[in-house]
């Protein structure tokens, strides 16, 4: 990841030094945050960047406007149509998209301080949250989480992403022989976990519709440690809390937590959070190559 960021910075700086400037942005896109408006969230982010050493390289966001999108696909379509000028994404998501899509390029990197992703629970499920925390803490202490992040996020290959997760047979037909398995425990409770596919390769769903990669590997390990059965439910980023409130899901795979601000724009009042399972501190701004 660090290597990729360095390469991106060198590329951007070389463009700037050559005298090429980006046009002033009109709109930037974010995945929906659940407890704020696009304008409020963008102001929060810009204030965070300003106080955390915003590394803006190309472009002026002082007059930009923000839009929310319910899922990553709709935001990508908006970028491709020109409805927005850039997507602002966690660095691991942007790096994944830049690897698999030659039509995208980075335009700047914003340092937003320490950020976390956590599992979300409805408040009445506090006991389940405490058990989940017990598993996550043990996975941190024995470096299981770090190992899964290295395998499924940092080492995610540029090509054949589906094959990397699932494997292919000798006839070059896609199979599920390397699919991450959930163990089944007879008589154990089933925990329904919502995944979105909107933060690849962390919260990742393959083109064939299979939840895969880091999120599935983490959930598989938690299921084994707690001896519970895991059932996956697909939802959009904007429908995460609705899935909890309706009972469609017991847990949502991600809520974004800002360590350095008082408000939590992605965490509704009726949601409680687990220990974080992932930390990062940068957003990469992604543009569509028009040429």
Protein backbone atom coordinates (compact mmCIF):
# COMPACT_ATOMS: atom_id res chain seq x y z
CA UNK A 1 0.00 0.00 0.00
CA UNK A 2 2.80 2.43 0.92
CA UNK A 3 4.55 1.66 -2.35
CA UNK A 4 1.40 2.45 -4.31
CA UNK A 5 0.88 5.73 -2.46
CA UNK A 6 4.45 6.78 -3.14
CA UNK A 7 4.04 6.00 -6.84
CA UNK A 8 0.77 7.95 -6.91
CA UNK A 9 2.36 10.96 -5.23
CA UNK A 10 5.29 10.95 -7.65
CA UNK A 11 2.89 10.77 -10.60
CA UNK A 12 0.76 13.62 -9.28
CA UNK A 13 3.73 15.82 -8.45
CA UNK A 14 5.24 15.23 -11.89
CA UNK A 15 1.96 16.35 -13.50
CA UNK A 16 1.86 19.49 -11.38
CA UNK A 17 5.52 20.30 -12.02
CA UNK A 18 4.87 20.02 -15.76
CA UNK A 19 2.49 22.95 -15.46
CA UNK A 20 -0.74 20.97 -15.88
CA UNK A 21 -3.46 21.95 -13.43
CA UNK A 22 -6.78 20.36 -12.63
CA UNK A 23 -9.94 22.34 -13.15
CA UNK A 24 -11.69 23.55 -10.04
CA UNK A 25 -14.02 20.84 -8.76
CA UNK A 26 -17.76 21.30 -8.92
CA UNK A 27 -18.91 18.11 -7.18
CA UNK A 28 -17.26 15.35 -5.19
CA UNK A 29 -18.87 12.05 -4.30
CA UNK A 30 -18.96 10.10 -1.04
CA UNK A 31 -20.68 6.91 -0.01
CA UNK A 32 -23.71 7.75 2.10
CA UNK A 33 -23.05 8.57 5.74
CA UNK A 34 -26.06 7.85 7.89
CA UNK A 35 -26.26 10.76 10.32
CA UNK A 36 -25.41 13.87 8.32
CA UNK A 37 -26.02 15.67 5.03
CA UNK A 38 -23.51 15.72 2.16
CA UNK A 39 -22.76 19.39 2.86
CA UNK A 40 -22.20 18.84 6.58
CA UNK A 41 -20.03 15.81 5.99
CA UNK A 42 -17.89 17.53 3.38
CA UNK A 43 -17.34 20.49 5.71
CA UNK A 44 -16.36 18.08 8.48
CA UNK A 45 -13.89 16.35 6.18
CA UNK A 46 -12.37 19.61 4.95
CA UNK A 47 -11.95 20.85 8.52
CA UNK A 48 -10.30 17.57 9.42
CA UNK A 49 -7.95 17.83 6.45
CA UNK A 50 -7.06 21.42 7.33
CA UNK A 51 -6.17 20.52 10.91
CA UNK A 52 -4.44 17.24 10.06
CA UNK A 53 -2.16 18.53 7.33
CA UNK A 54 -4.34 18.18 4.23
CA UNK A 55 -2.03 16.94 1.49
CA UNK A 56 -3.97 18.40 -1.42
CA UNK A 57 -2.14 17.92 -4.68
CA UNK A 58 -4.03 19.46 -7.58
CA UNK A 59 -7.51 20.93 -7.42
CA UNK A 60 -9.19 23.45 -5.14
CA UNK A 61 -12.09 22.18 -3.05
CA UNK A 62 -12.99 25.45 -1.35
CA UNK A 63 -16.11 25.86 -3.51
CA UNK A 64 -16.84 22.21 -4.28
CA UNK A 65 -20.16 20.62 -3.43
CA UNK A 66 -20.71 17.08 -2.20
CA UNK A 67 -23.15 14.34 -3.14
CA UNK A 68 -23.94 11.08 -1.35
CA UNK A 69 -24.44 7.76 -3.14
CA UNK A 70 -26.21 4.71 -1.72
CA UNK A 71 -23.64 2.31 -3.15
CA UNK A 72 -20.26 2.32 -4.85
CA UNK A 73 -21.61 1.30 -8.25
CA UNK A 74 -23.97 4.28 -8.46
CA UNK A 75 -21.13 6.62 -7.48
CA UNK A 76 -18.87 5.15 -10.15
CA UNK A 77 -21.61 5.60 -12.73
CA UNK A 78 -21.98 9.23 -11.65
CA UNK A 79 -18.24 9.76 -12.08
CA UNK A 80 -18.28 8.14 -15.51
CA UNK A 81 -21.21 10.35 -16.61
CA UNK A 82 -19.55 13.50 -15.31
CA UNK A 83 -22.16 14.14 -12.60
CA UNK A 84 -19.27 14.40 -10.13
CA UNK A 85 -15.64 15.32 -10.74
CA UNK A 86 -14.11 12.90 -8.27
CA UNK A 87 -14.85 10.19 -5.75
CA UNK A 88 -13.29 10.60 -2.31
CA UNK A 89 -12.58 7.13 -0.95
CA UNK A 90 -10.62 5.41 1.81
CA UNK A 91 -7.16 4.70 0.45
CA UNK A 92 -7.64 0.92 0.36
CA UNK A 93 -10.82 1.27 -1.72
CA UNK A 94 -9.26 3.77 -4.12
CA UNK A 95 -6.16 1.63 -4.59
CA UNK A 96 -8.31 -1.38 -5.43
CA UNK A 97 -10.32 0.58 -8.02
CA UNK A 98 -7.17 2.08 -9.53
CA UNK A 99 -5.70 -1.41 -9.91
CA UNK A 100 -8.64 -2.82 -11.82
CA UNK A 101 -9.79 0.23 -13.80
CA UNK A 102 -7.39 1.95 -16.17
CA UNK A 103 -9.91 4.75 -16.73
CA UNK A 104 -9.34 6.07 -13.20
CA UNK A 105 -6.47 8.13 -11.87
CA UNK A 106 -5.65 9.65 -8.46
CA UNK A 107 -5.65 13.43 -8.23
CA UNK A 108 -4.87 14.05 -4.57
CA UNK A 109 -4.52 12.44 -1.17
CA UNK A 110 -6.09 13.80 2.02
CA UNK A 111 -4.77 12.99 5.47
CA UNK A 112 -7.72 12.73 7.84
CA UNK A 113 -6.07 11.37 10.96
CA UNK A 114 -6.92 8.05 12.53
CA UNK A 115 -10.05 6.43 11.10
CA UNK A 116 -11.68 3.13 12.06
CA UNK A 117 -14.17 0.65 10.70
CA UNK A 118 -16.28 -1.22 13.24
CA UNK A 119 -19.16 -3.70 13.22
CA UNK A 120 -22.54 -2.16 14.04
CA UNK A 121 -25.26 -3.61 16.29
CA UNK A 122 -28.69 -2.41 17.36
CA UNK A 123 -28.54 -1.36 21.02
CA UNK A 124 -30.62 -4.29 22.30
CA UNK A 125 -27.92 -6.68 21.02
CA UNK A 126 -25.26 -5.45 23.46
CA UNK A 127 -24.47 -8.98 24.64
CA UNK A 128 -23.76 -10.07 21.07
CA UNK A 129 -21.54 -7.00 20.64
CA UNK A 130 -19.54 -7.91 23.76
CA UNK A 131 -19.02 -11.46 22.48
CA UNK A 132 -17.97 -10.07 19.09
CA UNK A 133 -15.47 -7.81 20.84
CA UNK A 134 -14.00 -10.79 22.66
CA UNK A 135 -13.31 -12.51 19.34
CA UNK A 136 -11.93 -9.36 17.69
CA UNK A 137 -9.58 -8.61 20.59
CA UNK A 138 -8.21 -12.15 20.50
CA UNK A 139 -7.73 -11.86 16.71
CA UNK A 140 -5.79 -8.64 17.19
CA UNK A 141 -3.65 -10.07 19.96
CA UNK A 142 -2.59 -13.14 17.95
CA UNK A 143 -2.14 -11.08 14.72
CA UNK A 144 -4.90 -12.91 12.86
CA UNK A 145 -6.52 -9.64 11.76
CA UNK A 146 -3.19 -8.28 10.53
CA UNK A 147 -2.55 -11.46 8.56
CA UNK A 148 -5.96 -11.40 6.89
CA UNK A 149 -5.53 -7.71 6.00
CA UNK A 150 -2.15 -8.45 4.43
CA UNK A 151 -3.55 -11.33 2.37
CA UNK A 152 -6.87 -9.94 1.21
CA UNK A 153 -6.22 -6.19 1.04
CA UNK A 154 -2.55 -5.24 0.75
CA UNK A 155 -1.66 -8.20 -1.48
CA UNK A 156 -4.79 -8.07 -3.61
CA UNK A 157 -3.50 -8.62 -7.18
CA UNK A 158 -4.05 -6.34 -10.13
CA UNK A 159 -5.48 -9.09 -12.35
CA UNK A 160 -7.68 -12.15 -11.84
CA UNK A 161 -9.17 -10.89 -8.61
CA UNK A 162 -11.95 -13.48 -8.74
CA UNK A 163 -9.45 -16.29 -9.28
CA UNK A 164 -7.39 -15.03 -6.35
CA UNK A 165 -10.33 -15.43 -4.02
CA UNK A 166 -11.93 -18.56 -5.42
CA UNK A 167 -9.32 -20.31 -7.55
CA UNK A 168 -9.81 -21.88 -10.98
CA UNK A 169 -9.73 -25.52 -12.03
CA UNK A 170 -7.49 -27.10 -14.65
CA UNK A 171 -10.03 -26.38 -17.41
CA UNK A 172 -9.93 -22.68 -16.61
CA UNK A 173 -13.53 -22.75 -15.39
CA UNK A 174 -14.24 -20.67 -12.34
CA UNK A 175 -14.97 -22.79 -9.31
CA UNK A 176 -15.52 -22.21 -5.62
CA UNK A 177 -12.85 -24.66 -4.50
CA UNK A 178 -10.93 -21.93 -2.64
CA UNK A 179 -13.99 -20.17 -1.30
CA UNK A 180 -13.68 -19.21 2.36
CA UNK A 181 -15.93 -21.56 4.30
CA UNK A 182 -18.11 -20.95 7.31
CA UNK A 183 -18.09 -23.81 9.76
CA UNK A 184 -21.49 -25.10 10.82
CA UNK A 185 -22.14 -25.81 14.49
CA UNK A 186 -25.15 -28.02 15.19
CA UNK A 187 -27.56 -26.42 17.64
CA UNK A 188 -25.65 -23.11 17.67
CA UNK A 189 -27.40 -19.77 17.03
CA UNK A 190 -27.21 -18.18 13.58
CA UNK A 191 -25.96 -14.59 13.34
CA UNK A 192 -27.09 -12.64 10.27
CA UNK A 193 -24.37 -10.24 9.07
CA UNK A 194 -25.02 -7.56 6.46
CA UNK A 195 -22.27 -6.95 3.89
CA UNK A 196 -22.41 -4.24 1.22
CA UNK A 197 -19.66 -4.77 -1.30
CA UNK A 198 -19.17 -1.00 -1.20
CA UNK A 199 -15.67 -0.95 0.34
CA UNK A 200 -13.70 -3.39 -1.82
CA UNK A 201 -11.51 -5.27 -1.24
CA UNK A 202 -12.49 -5.06 2.47
CA UNK A 203 -16.26 -5.27 2.19
CA UNK A 204 -16.18 -7.10 -1.11
CA UNK A 205 -18.70 -8.90 -3.31
CA UNK A 206 -17.52 -10.57 -6.51
CA UNK A 207 -19.03 -9.87 -9.93
CA UNK A 208 -20.90 -13.16 -9.58
CA UNK A 209 -22.54 -11.93 -6.37
CA UNK A 210 -20.48 -13.86 -3.83
CA UNK A 211 -19.36 -12.04 -0.65
CA UNK A 212 -15.65 -12.73 -0.52
CA UNK A 213 -12.22 -11.58 0.56
CA UNK A 214 -11.37 -9.84 3.81
CA UNK A 215 -14.86 -9.45 5.23
CA UNK A 216 -15.72 -13.11 4.71
CA UNK A 217 -12.36 -14.25 6.10
CA UNK A 218 -12.84 -12.13 9.23
CA UNK A 219 -16.40 -13.36 9.74
CA UNK A 220 -15.37 -16.98 9.21
CA UNK A 221 -12.75 -16.66 11.94
CA UNK A 222 -15.15 -14.95 14.35
CA UNK A 223 -17.73 -17.67 13.76
CA UNK A 224 -15.17 -20.34 14.63
CA UNK A 225 -14.00 -18.56 17.78
CA UNK A 226 -17.51 -17.92 19.07
CA UNK A 227 -18.92 -21.20 17.71
CA UNK A 228 -21.84 -19.50 16.02
CA UNK A 229 -23.23 -19.95 12.52
CA UNK A 230 -22.83 -17.00 10.14
CA UNK A 231 -25.43 -16.09 7.50
CA UNK A 232 -24.64 -13.26 5.06
CA UNK A 233 -27.12 -10.63 3.86
CA UNK A 234 -26.34 -8.19 1.03
CA UNK A 235 -27.35 -4.54 1.57
CA UNK A 236 -26.38 -1.14 0.16
CA UNK A 237 -24.28 1.27 2.22
CA UNK A 238 -27.29 3.52 2.73
CA UNK A 239 -29.47 0.65 4.00
CA UNK A 240 -27.17 -0.58 6.77
CA UNK A 241 -29.11 0.72 9.74
CA UNK A 242 -32.45 -0.17 8.16
CA UNK A 243 -31.24 -3.77 7.96
CA UNK A 244 -30.54 -3.74 11.70
CA UNK A 245 -33.78 -2.04 12.72
CA UNK A 246 -35.91 -4.36 10.58
CA UNK A 247 -34.21 -7.47 11.91
CA UNK A 248 -32.96 -8.42 8.46
CA UNK A 249 -29.47 -8.41 9.97
CA UNK A 250 -28.11 -8.76 13.50
CA UNK A 251 -24.81 -7.09 12.59
CA UNK A 252 -23.61 -4.76 9.87
CA UNK A 253 -20.08 -5.31 8.64
CA UNK A 254 -18.97 -1.67 8.70
CA UNK A 255 -19.57 1.70 10.25
CA UNK A 256 -16.99 4.45 9.83
CA UNK A 257 -15.66 6.00 13.04
CA UNK A 258 -13.75 9.29 13.15
CA UNK A 259 -11.43 9.22 16.14
CA UNK A 260 -10.61 12.91 16.12
CA UNK A 261 -14.04 14.52 15.92
CA UNK A 262 -16.82 14.81 18.46
CA UNK A 263 -19.65 13.80 16.11
CA UNK A 264 -19.94 10.47 14.34
CA UNK A 265 -21.62 11.17 10.97
CA UNK A 266 -21.84 7.50 10.02
CA UNK A 267 -23.18 6.14 13.34
CA UNK A 268 -26.90 6.62 14.10
CA UNK A 269 -28.04 7.00 17.71
CA UNK A 270 -29.61 3.54 17.92
CA UNK A 271 -26.40 1.76 16.83
CA UNK A 272 -23.59 0.54 19.07
CA UNK A 273 -20.17 -0.42 17.78
CA UNK A 274 -17.67 -3.21 18.22
CA UNK A 275 -13.96 -2.82 18.62
CA UNK A 276 -12.48 -1.59 15.32
CA UNK A 277 -11.37 -4.26 12.88
CA UNK A 278 -9.52 -1.91 10.49
CA UNK A 279 -7.73 1.44 10.80
CA UNK A 280 -6.57 3.93 8.17
CA UNK A 281 -5.76 7.63 7.91
CA UNK A 282 -5.92 8.70 4.26
CA UNK A 283 -8.49 9.32 1.55
CA UNK A 284 -7.55 9.20 -2.13
CA UNK A 285 -9.46 11.38 -4.61
CA UNK A 286 -10.19 9.44 -7.81
CA UNK A 287 -10.98 11.04 -11.20
CA UNK A 288 -12.13 9.64 -14.52
CA UNK A 289 -9.66 9.90 -17.36
CA UNK A 290 -11.49 11.72 -20.13
CA UNK A 291 -8.90 11.07 -22.85
